[in-house]
């Protein structure tokens, strides 16, 4: 804090009044004077990576704007009045005279600059640490959600793979049954052929018997018709069985391909789960870094 009575007694500057919310200067403005706070509060803001960050709050006895006079550079921050303020404005010439004539003033300047740098660094570290903590928490939350989704997908893929295997086994059983039915149909065709032959023989014998074999001839004709119909039905069934076999073969191939893809999907999701686990570890490391920066 500076001895304002001594400064006022020397009449080294011009008193100005600033209303609440008014901007005294902005970052990049030319700096030809500094300020000493006589009454009220002024806040200094710094723009870092596109964000406005409050660097310091200055109250009665504090001063600001001296860096531009010392370095001859534009303003490095923006100064705004938090409330109604009364300030002492020092032009560059008066500032230089004070530095030369009053060693105590120069010492206060150095102490204030050192303190301000420490405060700014502490504020930046706290804010960066807070941002890192928020990023780590958000990353961890998102990662947990992704992991849960991946685990659900992997579980579903495993179930699909199991179902596909069961379906493939069932299809093989159906194909086996179809083959058995085909064997039976082959036997039926053989029986039909033999029955047809028997019918023909019966017809021949009926013809030899003349009038006495007429009834037997009718029976022989019915046997031949039944044999022909049985043969036709057996051929139709055999044709259907063949079509079923072809369809089952196609389904088996598709099922096996689906099982392979499901297995690949499960492997891929497991790899993604491992990657997200690494993301969780990174989030924990970010959180640790943020905590260490605050300490």
C-alpha atoms as a PDB file:
ATOM      1  CA  UNK A   1       0.000   0.000   0.000  1.00  0.00           C
ATOM      2  CA  UNK A   2       1.262   3.467  -0.781  1.00  0.00           C
ATOM      3  CA  UNK A   3       1.130   6.522   1.480  1.00  0.00           C
ATOM      4  CA  UNK A   4      -1.544   8.458  -0.382  1.00  0.00           C
ATOM      5  CA  UNK A   5      -1.321  11.498   1.895  1.00  0.00           C
ATOM      6  CA  UNK A   6       2.271  12.069   0.915  1.00  0.00           C
ATOM      7  CA  UNK A   7       1.435  11.672  -2.744  1.00  0.00           C
ATOM      8  CA  UNK A   8      -1.529  13.988  -2.438  1.00  0.00           C
ATOM      9  CA  UNK A   9       0.670  16.516  -0.603  1.00  0.00           C
ATOM     10  CA  UNK A  10       3.169  16.562  -3.447  1.00  0.00           C
ATOM     11  CA  UNK A  11       0.390  17.152  -5.952  1.00  0.00           C
ATOM     12  CA  UNK A  12       2.083  14.888  -8.434  1.00  0.00           C
ATOM     13  CA  UNK A  13      -0.949  13.985 -10.531  1.00  0.00           C
ATOM     14  CA  UNK A  14      -4.493  14.703 -11.595  1.00  0.00           C
ATOM     15  CA  UNK A  15      -7.503  13.266  -9.800  1.00  0.00           C
ATOM     16  CA  UNK A  16     -10.120  11.573 -12.003  1.00  0.00           C
ATOM     17  CA  UNK A  17     -13.497   9.978 -11.234  1.00  0.00           C
ATOM     18  CA  UNK A  18     -14.550   6.726 -12.942  1.00  0.00           C
ATOM     19  CA  UNK A  19     -18.083   5.344 -12.846  1.00  0.00           C
ATOM     20  CA  UNK A  20     -18.954   1.721 -12.095  1.00  0.00           C
ATOM     21  CA  UNK A  21     -18.471  -0.555 -15.120  1.00  0.00           C
ATOM     22  CA  UNK A  22     -16.430   1.993 -17.044  1.00  0.00           C
ATOM     23  CA  UNK A  23     -13.297   0.784 -18.857  1.00  0.00           C
ATOM     24  CA  UNK A  24     -10.144   2.784 -18.152  1.00  0.00           C
ATOM     25  CA  UNK A  25      -8.097   1.141 -20.889  1.00  0.00           C
ATOM     26  CA  UNK A  26      -8.067  -2.032 -22.951  1.00  0.00           C
ATOM     27  CA  UNK A  27      -5.379  -4.510 -23.844  1.00  0.00           C
ATOM     28  CA  UNK A  28      -3.285  -3.156 -26.713  1.00  0.00           C
ATOM     29  CA  UNK A  29      -3.964   0.525 -25.975  1.00  0.00           C
ATOM     30  CA  UNK A  30      -0.998   2.893 -25.821  1.00  0.00           C
ATOM     31  CA  UNK A  31       0.078   3.609 -22.240  1.00  0.00           C
ATOM     32  CA  UNK A  32       1.216   7.162 -21.394  1.00  0.00           C
ATOM     33  CA  UNK A  33       0.114   7.320 -17.766  1.00  0.00           C
ATOM     34  CA  UNK A  34      -0.493   5.204 -14.654  1.00  0.00           C
ATOM     35  CA  UNK A  35      -3.152   5.259 -11.949  1.00  0.00           C
ATOM     36  CA  UNK A  36      -3.217   5.169  -8.165  1.00  0.00           C
ATOM     37  CA  UNK A  37      -6.482   4.085  -6.523  1.00  0.00           C
ATOM     38  CA  UNK A  38      -7.713   6.709  -4.036  1.00  0.00           C
ATOM     39  CA  UNK A  39     -11.155   5.176  -3.561  1.00  0.00           C
ATOM     40  CA  UNK A  40     -13.104   2.228  -4.970  1.00  0.00           C
ATOM     41  CA  UNK A  41     -12.050  -0.984  -6.711  1.00  0.00           C
ATOM     42  CA  UNK A  42     -10.555  -1.604 -10.150  1.00  0.00           C
ATOM     43  CA  UNK A  43     -10.250  -5.055 -11.732  1.00  0.00           C
ATOM     44  CA  UNK A  44      -7.556  -6.031 -14.241  1.00  0.00           C
ATOM     45  CA  UNK A  45      -8.401  -8.631 -16.890  1.00  0.00           C
ATOM     46  CA  UNK A  46      -5.980 -10.627 -19.057  1.00  0.00           C
ATOM     47  CA  UNK A  47      -6.868 -12.328 -22.329  1.00  0.00           C
ATOM     48  CA  UNK A  48      -5.351 -15.821 -22.466  1.00  0.00           C
ATOM     49  CA  UNK A  49      -6.162 -18.234 -25.290  1.00  0.00           C
ATOM     50  CA  UNK A  50      -9.268 -16.275 -26.180  1.00  0.00           C
ATOM     51  CA  UNK A  51     -10.609 -16.184 -22.616  1.00  0.00           C
ATOM     52  CA  UNK A  52     -10.824 -13.123 -20.367  1.00  0.00           C
ATOM     53  CA  UNK A  53      -9.311 -14.026 -16.997  1.00  0.00           C
ATOM     54  CA  UNK A  54      -9.460 -11.706 -13.952  1.00  0.00           C
ATOM     55  CA  UNK A  55      -5.851 -11.112 -12.892  1.00  0.00           C
ATOM     56  CA  UNK A  56      -6.158  -8.708  -9.942  1.00  0.00           C
ATOM     57  CA  UNK A  57      -8.481  -6.497  -7.907  1.00  0.00           C
ATOM     58  CA  UNK A  58      -6.946  -3.176  -6.896  1.00  0.00           C
ATOM     59  CA  UNK A  59      -8.199  -1.087  -3.999  1.00  0.00           C
ATOM     60  CA  UNK A  60      -7.241   2.085  -2.133  1.00  0.00           C
ATOM     61  CA  UNK A  61      -3.478   2.631  -2.221  1.00  0.00           C
ATOM     62  CA  UNK A  62      -2.839   0.184  -5.085  1.00  0.00           C
ATOM     63  CA  UNK A  63      -1.610   1.358  -8.463  1.00  0.00           C
ATOM     64  CA  UNK A  64      -1.682   0.015 -12.015  1.00  0.00           C
ATOM     65  CA  UNK A  65      -0.659   0.905 -15.557  1.00  0.00           C
ATOM     66  CA  UNK A  66       3.005   1.429 -14.596  1.00  0.00           C
ATOM     67  CA  UNK A  67       4.242  -1.467 -16.753  1.00  0.00           C
ATOM     68  CA  UNK A  68       3.491   0.393 -19.968  1.00  0.00           C
ATOM     69  CA  UNK A  69       5.508   3.382 -18.696  1.00  0.00           C
ATOM     70  CA  UNK A  70       8.429   1.183 -17.646  1.00  0.00           C
ATOM     71  CA  UNK A  71       8.520  -0.923 -20.803  1.00  0.00           C
ATOM     72  CA  UNK A  72       7.220   1.568 -23.347  1.00  0.00           C
ATOM     73  CA  UNK A  73       4.811  -1.096 -24.607  1.00  0.00           C
ATOM     74  CA  UNK A  74       1.015  -1.165 -25.126  1.00  0.00           C
ATOM     75  CA  UNK A  75      -1.293  -2.170 -22.290  1.00  0.00           C
ATOM     76  CA  UNK A  76      -1.051  -5.876 -21.475  1.00  0.00           C
ATOM     77  CA  UNK A  77      -4.506  -6.082 -19.921  1.00  0.00           C
ATOM     78  CA  UNK A  78      -7.889  -4.382 -19.574  1.00  0.00           C
ATOM     79  CA  UNK A  79      -8.832  -2.243 -16.543  1.00  0.00           C
ATOM     80  CA  UNK A  80     -12.474  -1.839 -15.473  1.00  0.00           C
ATOM     81  CA  UNK A  81     -14.056  -0.074 -12.506  1.00  0.00           C
ATOM     82  CA  UNK A  82     -15.891  -2.544 -10.281  1.00  0.00           C
ATOM     83  CA  UNK A  83     -17.553   0.353  -8.448  1.00  0.00           C
ATOM     84  CA  UNK A  84     -17.457   4.130  -8.381  1.00  0.00           C
ATOM     85  CA  UNK A  85     -13.748   5.022  -8.222  1.00  0.00           C
ATOM     86  CA  UNK A  86     -11.574   8.020  -7.501  1.00  0.00           C
ATOM     87  CA  UNK A  87      -8.115   7.715  -9.059  1.00  0.00           C
ATOM     88  CA  UNK A  88      -4.899   9.701  -9.211  1.00  0.00           C
ATOM     89  CA  UNK A  89      -3.573   9.860 -12.763  1.00  0.00           C
ATOM     90  CA  UNK A  90       0.205  10.200 -13.193  1.00  0.00           C
ATOM     91  CA  UNK A  91       1.643  11.201 -16.540  1.00  0.00           C
ATOM     92  CA  UNK A  92       4.871   9.548 -17.686  1.00  0.00           C
ATOM     93  CA  UNK A  93       6.982  12.598 -16.796  1.00  0.00           C
ATOM     94  CA  UNK A  94       5.655  12.749 -13.212  1.00  0.00           C
ATOM     95  CA  UNK A  95       6.147   9.002 -12.868  1.00  0.00           C
ATOM     96  CA  UNK A  96       9.782   9.250 -13.960  1.00  0.00           C
ATOM     97  CA  UNK A  97      10.394  12.135 -11.555  1.00  0.00           C
ATOM     98  CA  UNK A  98       8.974  10.141  -8.660  1.00  0.00           C
ATOM     99  CA  UNK A  99      11.144   7.146  -9.498  1.00  0.00           C
ATOM    100  CA  UNK A 100      14.245   9.346  -9.561  1.00  0.00           C
ATOM    101  CA  UNK A 101      13.443  11.474  -6.510  1.00  0.00           C
ATOM    102  CA  UNK A 102      11.767   8.981  -4.200  1.00  0.00           C
ATOM    103  CA  UNK A 103      13.606   5.683  -3.695  1.00  0.00           C
ATOM    104  CA  UNK A 104      10.826   4.508  -1.393  1.00  0.00           C
ATOM    105  CA  UNK A 105       8.353   4.960  -4.246  1.00  0.00           C
ATOM    106  CA  UNK A 106      10.610   2.956  -6.570  1.00  0.00           C
ATOM    107  CA  UNK A 107      10.847   0.232  -3.934  1.00  0.00           C
ATOM    108  CA  UNK A 108       7.057   0.125  -3.596  1.00  0.00           C
ATOM    109  CA  UNK A 109       6.784  -0.181  -7.359  1.00  0.00           C
ATOM    110  CA  UNK A 110       9.140  -3.171  -7.370  1.00  0.00           C
ATOM    111  CA  UNK A 111       7.347  -4.851  -4.463  1.00  0.00           C
ATOM    112  CA  UNK A 112       3.970  -4.273  -6.067  1.00  0.00           C
ATOM    113  CA  UNK A 113       5.155  -5.679  -9.383  1.00  0.00           C
ATOM    114  CA  UNK A 114       6.612  -8.752  -7.702  1.00  0.00           C
ATOM    115  CA  UNK A 115       3.452  -9.312  -5.698  1.00  0.00           C
ATOM    116  CA  UNK A 116       1.282  -8.830  -8.765  1.00  0.00           C
ATOM    117  CA  UNK A 117       3.300 -11.322 -10.790  1.00  0.00           C
ATOM    118  CA  UNK A 118       2.963 -13.891  -8.013  1.00  0.00           C
ATOM    119  CA  UNK A 119      -0.761 -13.265  -7.751  1.00  0.00           C
ATOM    120  CA  UNK A 120      -1.236 -13.558 -11.497  1.00  0.00           C
ATOM    121  CA  UNK A 121       0.775 -16.771 -11.611  1.00  0.00           C
ATOM    122  CA  UNK A 122      -1.190 -18.198  -8.699  1.00  0.00           C
ATOM    123  CA  UNK A 123      -4.481 -17.221 -10.326  1.00  0.00           C
ATOM    124  CA  UNK A 124      -3.434 -18.754 -13.633  1.00  0.00           C
ATOM    125  CA  UNK A 125      -2.290 -21.960 -11.968  1.00  0.00           C
ATOM    126  CA  UNK A 126      -5.563 -22.227 -10.064  1.00  0.00           C
ATOM    127  CA  UNK A 127      -7.617 -21.585 -13.170  1.00  0.00           C
ATOM    128  CA  UNK A 128      -5.582 -23.948 -15.325  1.00  0.00           C
ATOM    129  CA  UNK A 129      -5.795 -26.549 -12.570  1.00  0.00           C
ATOM    130  CA  UNK A 130      -9.549 -26.057 -12.369  1.00  0.00           C
ATOM    131  CA  UNK A 131      -9.888 -26.345 -16.148  1.00  0.00           C
ATOM    132  CA  UNK A 132      -7.759 -29.498 -16.131  1.00  0.00           C
ATOM    133  CA  UNK A 133      -9.878 -30.937 -13.346  1.00  0.00           C
ATOM    134  CA  UNK A 134     -13.087 -30.189 -15.247  1.00  0.00           C
ATOM    135  CA  UNK A 135     -11.660 -31.680 -18.434  1.00  0.00           C
ATOM    136  CA  UNK A 136     -10.509 -34.762 -16.536  1.00  0.00           C
ATOM    137  CA  UNK A 137     -13.929 -35.203 -14.919  1.00  0.00           C
ATOM    138  CA  UNK A 138     -15.744 -34.730 -18.215  1.00  0.00           C
ATOM    139  CA  UNK A 139     -13.340 -37.092 -19.971  1.00  0.00           C
ATOM    140  CA  UNK A 140     -13.826 -39.672 -17.243  1.00  0.00           C
ATOM    141  CA  UNK A 141     -17.615 -39.354 -17.406  1.00  0.00           C
ATOM    142  CA  UNK A 142     -17.676 -39.646 -21.191  1.00  0.00           C
ATOM    143  CA  UNK A 143     -15.246 -42.542 -21.095  1.00  0.00           C
ATOM    144  CA  UNK A 144     -17.379 -44.414 -18.581  1.00  0.00           C
ATOM    145  CA  UNK A 145     -20.391 -43.942 -20.833  1.00  0.00           C
ATOM    146  CA  UNK A 146     -18.455 -45.178 -23.855  1.00  0.00           C
ATOM    147  CA  UNK A 147     -17.124 -48.168 -21.927  1.00  0.00           C
ATOM    148  CA  UNK A 148     -20.634 -49.091 -20.793  1.00  0.00           C
ATOM    149  CA  UNK A 149     -21.907 -48.845 -24.364  1.00  0.00           C
ATOM    150  CA  UNK A 150     -19.032 -50.903 -25.721  1.00  0.00           C
ATOM    151  CA  UNK A 151     -19.501 -53.569 -23.064  1.00  0.00           C
ATOM    152  CA  UNK A 152     -23.183 -53.774 -23.960  1.00  0.00           C
ATOM    153  CA  UNK A 153     -22.313 -54.108 -27.658  1.00  0.00           C
ATOM    154  CA  UNK A 154     -19.698 -56.749 -26.913  1.00  0.00           C
ATOM    155  CA  UNK A 155     -22.187 -58.710 -24.798  1.00  0.00           C
ATOM    156  CA  UNK A 156     -24.805 -58.454 -27.526  1.00  0.00           C
ATOM    157  CA  UNK A 157     -22.273 -59.545 -30.150  1.00  0.00           C
ATOM    158  CA  UNK A 158     -21.296 -62.545 -28.022  1.00  0.00           C
ATOM    159  CA  UNK A 159     -24.946 -63.527 -27.644  1.00  0.00           C
ATOM    160  CA  UNK A 160     -25.462 -63.159 -31.395  1.00  0.00           C
ATOM    161  CA  UNK A 161     -22.402 -65.298 -32.043  1.00  0.00           C
ATOM    162  CA  UNK A 162     -23.714 -67.989 -29.678  1.00  0.00           C
ATOM    163  CA  UNK A 163     -27.169 -67.900 -31.282  1.00  0.00           C
ATOM    164  CA  UNK A 164     -25.625 -68.170 -34.737  1.00  0.00           C
ATOM    165  CA  UNK A 165     -23.654 -71.225 -33.680  1.00  0.00           C
ATOM    166  CA  UNK A 166     -26.792 -72.837 -32.262  1.00  0.00           C
ATOM    167  CA  UNK A 167     -28.700 -71.986 -35.445  1.00  0.00           C
ATOM    168  CA  UNK A 168     -25.943 -73.514 -37.572  1.00  0.00           C
ATOM    169  CA  UNK A 169     -26.146 -76.723 -35.529  1.00  0.00           C
ATOM    170  CA  UNK A 170     -29.925 -76.834 -35.874  1.00  0.00           C
ATOM    171  CA  UNK A 171     -29.639 -76.333 -39.629  1.00  0.00           C
ATOM    172  CA  UNK A 172     -27.162 -79.199 -39.860  1.00  0.00           C
ATOM    173  CA  UNK A 173     -29.650 -81.379 -37.993  1.00  0.00           C
ATOM    174  CA  UNK A 174     -32.382 -80.382 -40.462  1.00  0.00           C
ATOM    175  CA  UNK A 175     -30.082 -81.232 -43.361  1.00  0.00           C
ATOM    176  CA  UNK A 176     -29.401 -84.631 -41.810  1.00  0.00           C
ATOM    177  CA  UNK A 177     -33.130 -85.259 -41.404  1.00  0.00           C
ATOM    178  CA  UNK A 178     -33.678 -84.183 -45.019  1.00  0.00           C
ATOM    179  CA  UNK A 179     -31.129 -86.756 -46.135  1.00  0.00           C
ATOM    180  CA  UNK A 180     -32.925 -89.426 -44.123  1.00  0.00           C
ATOM    181  CA  UNK A 181     -36.241 -88.442 -45.698  1.00  0.00           C
ATOM    182  CA  UNK A 182     -34.536 -88.600 -49.088  1.00  0.00           C
ATOM    183  CA  UNK A 183     -33.448 -92.153 -48.349  1.00  0.00           C
ATOM    184  CA  UNK A 184     -37.012 -93.063 -47.394  1.00  0.00           C
ATOM    185  CA  UNK A 185     -38.291 -91.452 -50.602  1.00  0.00           C
ATOM    186  CA  UNK A 186     -35.837 -93.552 -52.572  1.00  0.00           C
ATOM    187  CA  UNK A 187     -37.242 -96.642 -50.902  1.00  0.00           C
ATOM    188  CA  UNK A 188     -40.804 -95.490 -51.686  1.00  0.00           C
ATOM    189  CA  UNK A 189     -39.863 -95.039 -55.348  1.00  0.00           C
ATOM    190  CA  UNK A 190     -38.428 -98.554 -55.381  1.00  0.00           C
ATOM    191  CA  UNK A 191     -41.602 -99.944 -53.810  1.00  0.00           C
ATOM    192  CA  UNK A 192     -43.678 -97.976 -56.315  1.00  0.00           C
ATOM    193  CA  UNK A 193     -41.714 -99.450 -59.176  1.00  0.00           C
ATOM    194  CA  UNK A 194     -42.105-102.966 -57.822  1.00  0.00           C
ATOM    195  CA  UNK A 195     -45.826-102.384 -57.239  1.00  0.00           C
ATOM    196  CA  UNK A 196     -46.170-101.187 -60.821  1.00  0.00           C
ATOM    197  CA  UNK A 197     -44.451-104.320 -62.048  1.00  0.00           C
ATOM    198  CA  UNK A 198     -46.717-106.461 -59.903  1.00  0.00           C
ATOM    199  CA  UNK A 199     -49.720-104.609 -61.314  1.00  0.00           C
ATOM    200  CA  UNK A 200     -48.564-105.334 -64.853  1.00  0.00           C
ATOM    201  CA  UNK A 201     -48.019-108.987 -64.067  1.00  0.00           C
ATOM    202  CA  UNK A 202     -51.431-109.155 -62.436  1.00  0.00           C
ATOM    203  CA  UNK A 203     -52.986-107.630 -65.543  1.00  0.00           C
ATOM    204  CA  UNK A 204     -51.275-110.206 -67.749  1.00  0.00           C
ATOM    205  CA  UNK A 205     -52.487-113.068 -65.582  1.00  0.00           C
ATOM    206  CA  UNK A 206     -56.012-111.617 -65.571  1.00  0.00           C
ATOM    207  CA  UNK A 207     -55.997-111.516 -69.358  1.00  0.00           C
ATOM    208  CA  UNK A 208     -54.971-115.155 -69.496  1.00  0.00           C
ATOM    209  CA  UNK A 209     -57.785-116.114 -67.132  1.00  0.00           C
ATOM    210  CA  UNK A 210     -60.413-114.696 -69.489  1.00  0.00           C
ATOM    211  CA  UNK A 211     -63.847-113.987 -68.073  1.00  0.00           C
ATOM    212  CA  UNK A 212     -62.868-115.316 -64.650  1.00  0.00           C
ATOM    213  CA  UNK A 213     -60.009-112.857 -64.286  1.00  0.00           C
ATOM    214  CA  UNK A 214     -62.004-109.721 -65.116  1.00  0.00           C
ATOM    215  CA  UNK A 215     -62.347-108.597 -61.480  1.00  0.00           C
ATOM    216  CA  UNK A 216     -58.718-109.362 -60.872  1.00  0.00           C
ATOM    217  CA  UNK A 217     -57.865-107.098 -63.865  1.00  0.00           C
ATOM    218  CA  UNK A 218     -59.727-104.186 -62.286  1.00  0.00           C
ATOM    219  CA  UNK A 219     -57.706-104.621 -59.102  1.00  0.00           C
ATOM    220  CA  UNK A 220     -54.482-104.806 -61.117  1.00  0.00           C
ATOM    221  CA  UNK A 221     -55.348-101.538 -62.874  1.00  0.00           C
ATOM    222  CA  UNK A 222     -55.971 -99.791 -59.560  1.00  0.00           C
ATOM    223  CA  UNK A 223     -52.641-101.109 -58.293  1.00  0.00           C
ATOM    224  CA  UNK A 224     -50.887 -99.623 -61.338  1.00  0.00           C
ATOM    225  CA  UNK A 225     -52.643 -96.254 -60.813  1.00  0.00           C
ATOM    226  CA  UNK A 226     -51.716 -96.227 -57.117  1.00  0.00           C
ATOM    227  CA  UNK A 227     -48.142 -97.103 -58.017  1.00  0.00           C
ATOM    228  CA  UNK A 228     -47.955 -94.299 -60.567  1.00  0.00           C
ATOM    229  CA  UNK A 229     -49.447 -91.799 -58.116  1.00  0.00           C
ATOM    230  CA  UNK A 230     -47.060 -92.932 -55.346  1.00  0.00           C
ATOM    231  CA  UNK A 231     -44.120 -92.550 -57.686  1.00  0.00           C
ATOM    232  CA  UNK A 232     -45.265 -89.065 -58.715  1.00  0.00           C
ATOM    233  CA  UNK A 233     -45.772 -87.992 -55.082  1.00  0.00           C
ATOM    234  CA  UNK A 234     -42.399 -89.427 -54.112  1.00  0.00           C
ATOM    235  CA  UNK A 235     -40.723 -87.454 -56.896  1.00  0.00           C
ATOM    236  CA  UNK A 236     -42.467 -84.254 -55.784  1.00  0.00           C
ATOM    237  CA  UNK A 237     -41.400 -84.824 -52.177  1.00  0.00           C
ATOM    238  CA  UNK A 238     -37.853 -85.572 -53.310  1.00  0.00           C
ATOM    239  CA  UNK A 239     -37.838 -82.348 -55.304  1.00  0.00           C
ATOM    240  CA  UNK A 240     -39.023 -80.380 -52.264  1.00  0.00           C
ATOM    241  CA  UNK A 241     -36.393 -82.048 -50.093  1.00  0.00           C
ATOM    242  CA  UNK A 242     -33.726 -81.076 -52.604  1.00  0.00           C
ATOM    243  CA  UNK A 243     -34.924 -77.458 -52.526  1.00  0.00           C
ATOM    244  CA  UNK A 244     -34.929 -77.512 -48.713  1.00  0.00           C
ATOM    245  CA  UNK A 245     -31.390 -78.845 -48.763  1.00  0.00           C
ATOM    246  CA  UNK A 246     -30.253 -76.044 -51.065  1.00  0.00           C
ATOM    247  CA  UNK A 247     -31.923 -73.430 -48.875  1.00  0.00           C
ATOM    248  CA  UNK A 248     -30.399 -74.948 -45.748  1.00  0.00           C
ATOM    249  CA  UNK A 249     -26.981 -74.839 -47.380  1.00  0.00           C
ATOM    250  CA  UNK A 250     -27.402 -71.149 -48.191  1.00  0.00           C
ATOM    251  CA  UNK A 251     -28.639 -70.418 -44.674  1.00  0.00           C
ATOM    252  CA  UNK A 252     -25.705 -72.325 -43.204  1.00  0.00           C
ATOM    253  CA  UNK A 253     -23.210 -70.312 -45.233  1.00  0.00           C
ATOM    254  CA  UNK A 254     -24.916 -67.040 -44.248  1.00  0.00           C
ATOM    255  CA  UNK A 255     -25.100 -68.109 -40.607  1.00  0.00           C
ATOM    256  CA  UNK A 256     -21.418 -69.017 -40.516  1.00  0.00           C
ATOM    257  CA  UNK A 257     -20.537 -65.671 -42.107  1.00  0.00           C
ATOM    258  CA  UNK A 258     -22.714 -63.872 -39.565  1.00  0.00           C
ATOM    259  CA  UNK A 259     -21.005 -65.755 -36.746  1.00  0.00           C
ATOM    260  CA  UNK A 260     -17.599 -64.719 -38.080  1.00  0.00           C
ATOM    261  CA  UNK A 261     -18.676 -61.075 -38.295  1.00  0.00           C
ATOM    262  CA  UNK A 262     -20.128 -61.230 -34.790  1.00  0.00           C
ATOM    263  CA  UNK A 263     -16.840 -62.624 -33.525  1.00  0.00           C
ATOM    264  CA  UNK A 264     -14.954 -59.826 -35.288  1.00  0.00           C
ATOM    265  CA  UNK A 265     -17.361 -57.274 -33.795  1.00  0.00           C
ATOM    266  CA  UNK A 266     -16.802 -58.659 -30.314  1.00  0.00           C
ATOM    267  CA  UNK A 267     -13.028 -58.491 -30.802  1.00  0.00           C
ATOM    268  CA  UNK A 268     -13.229 -54.910 -32.079  1.00  0.00           C
ATOM    269  CA  UNK A 269     -15.387 -53.776 -29.171  1.00  0.00           C
ATOM    270  CA  UNK A 270     -12.988 -55.419 -26.729  1.00  0.00           C
ATOM    271  CA  UNK A 271     -10.156 -53.444 -28.311  1.00  0.00           C
ATOM    272  CA  UNK A 272     -12.230 -50.254 -28.004  1.00  0.00           C
ATOM    273  CA  UNK A 273     -12.888 -51.048 -24.363  1.00  0.00           C
ATOM    274  CA  UNK A 274      -9.148 -51.350 -23.788  1.00  0.00           C
ATOM    275  CA  UNK A 275      -8.597 -47.999 -25.522  1.00  0.00           C
ATOM    276  CA  UNK A 276     -11.225 -46.291 -23.386  1.00  0.00           C
ATOM    277  CA  UNK A 277      -9.591 -47.770 -20.299  1.00  0.00           C
ATOM    278  CA  UNK A 278      -6.452 -45.919 -21.332  1.00  0.00           C
ATOM    279  CA  UNK A 279      -8.580 -42.769 -21.665  1.00  0.00           C
ATOM    280  CA  UNK A 280      -9.758 -43.290 -18.101  1.00  0.00           C
ATOM    281  CA  UNK A 281      -6.159 -43.565 -16.950  1.00  0.00           C
ATOM    282  CA  UNK A 282      -5.334 -40.342 -18.803  1.00  0.00           C
ATOM    283  CA  UNK A 283      -8.256 -38.622 -17.097  1.00  0.00           C
ATOM    284  CA  UNK A 284      -6.900 -39.753 -13.733  1.00  0.00           C
ATOM    285  CA  UNK A 285      -3.457 -38.426 -14.631  1.00  0.00           C
ATOM    286  CA  UNK A 286      -4.968 -35.075 -15.677  1.00  0.00           C
ATOM    287  CA  UNK A 287      -6.790 -34.936 -12.367  1.00  0.00           C
ATOM    288  CA  UNK A 288      -3.534 -35.622 -10.505  1.00  0.00           C
ATOM    289  CA  UNK A 289      -1.751 -32.894 -12.476  1.00  0.00           C
ATOM    290  CA  UNK A 290      -4.527 -30.428 -11.683  1.00  0.00           C
ATOM    291  CA  UNK A 291      -4.328 -31.313  -7.989  1.00  0.00           C
ATOM    292  CA  UNK A 292      -0.538 -30.918  -7.950  1.00  0.00           C
ATOM    293  CA  UNK A 293      -0.817 -27.498  -9.611  1.00  0.00           C
ATOM    294  CA  UNK A 294      -3.193 -26.336  -6.891  1.00  0.00           C
ATOM    295  CA  UNK A 295      -0.944 -27.528  -4.054  1.00  0.00           C
END
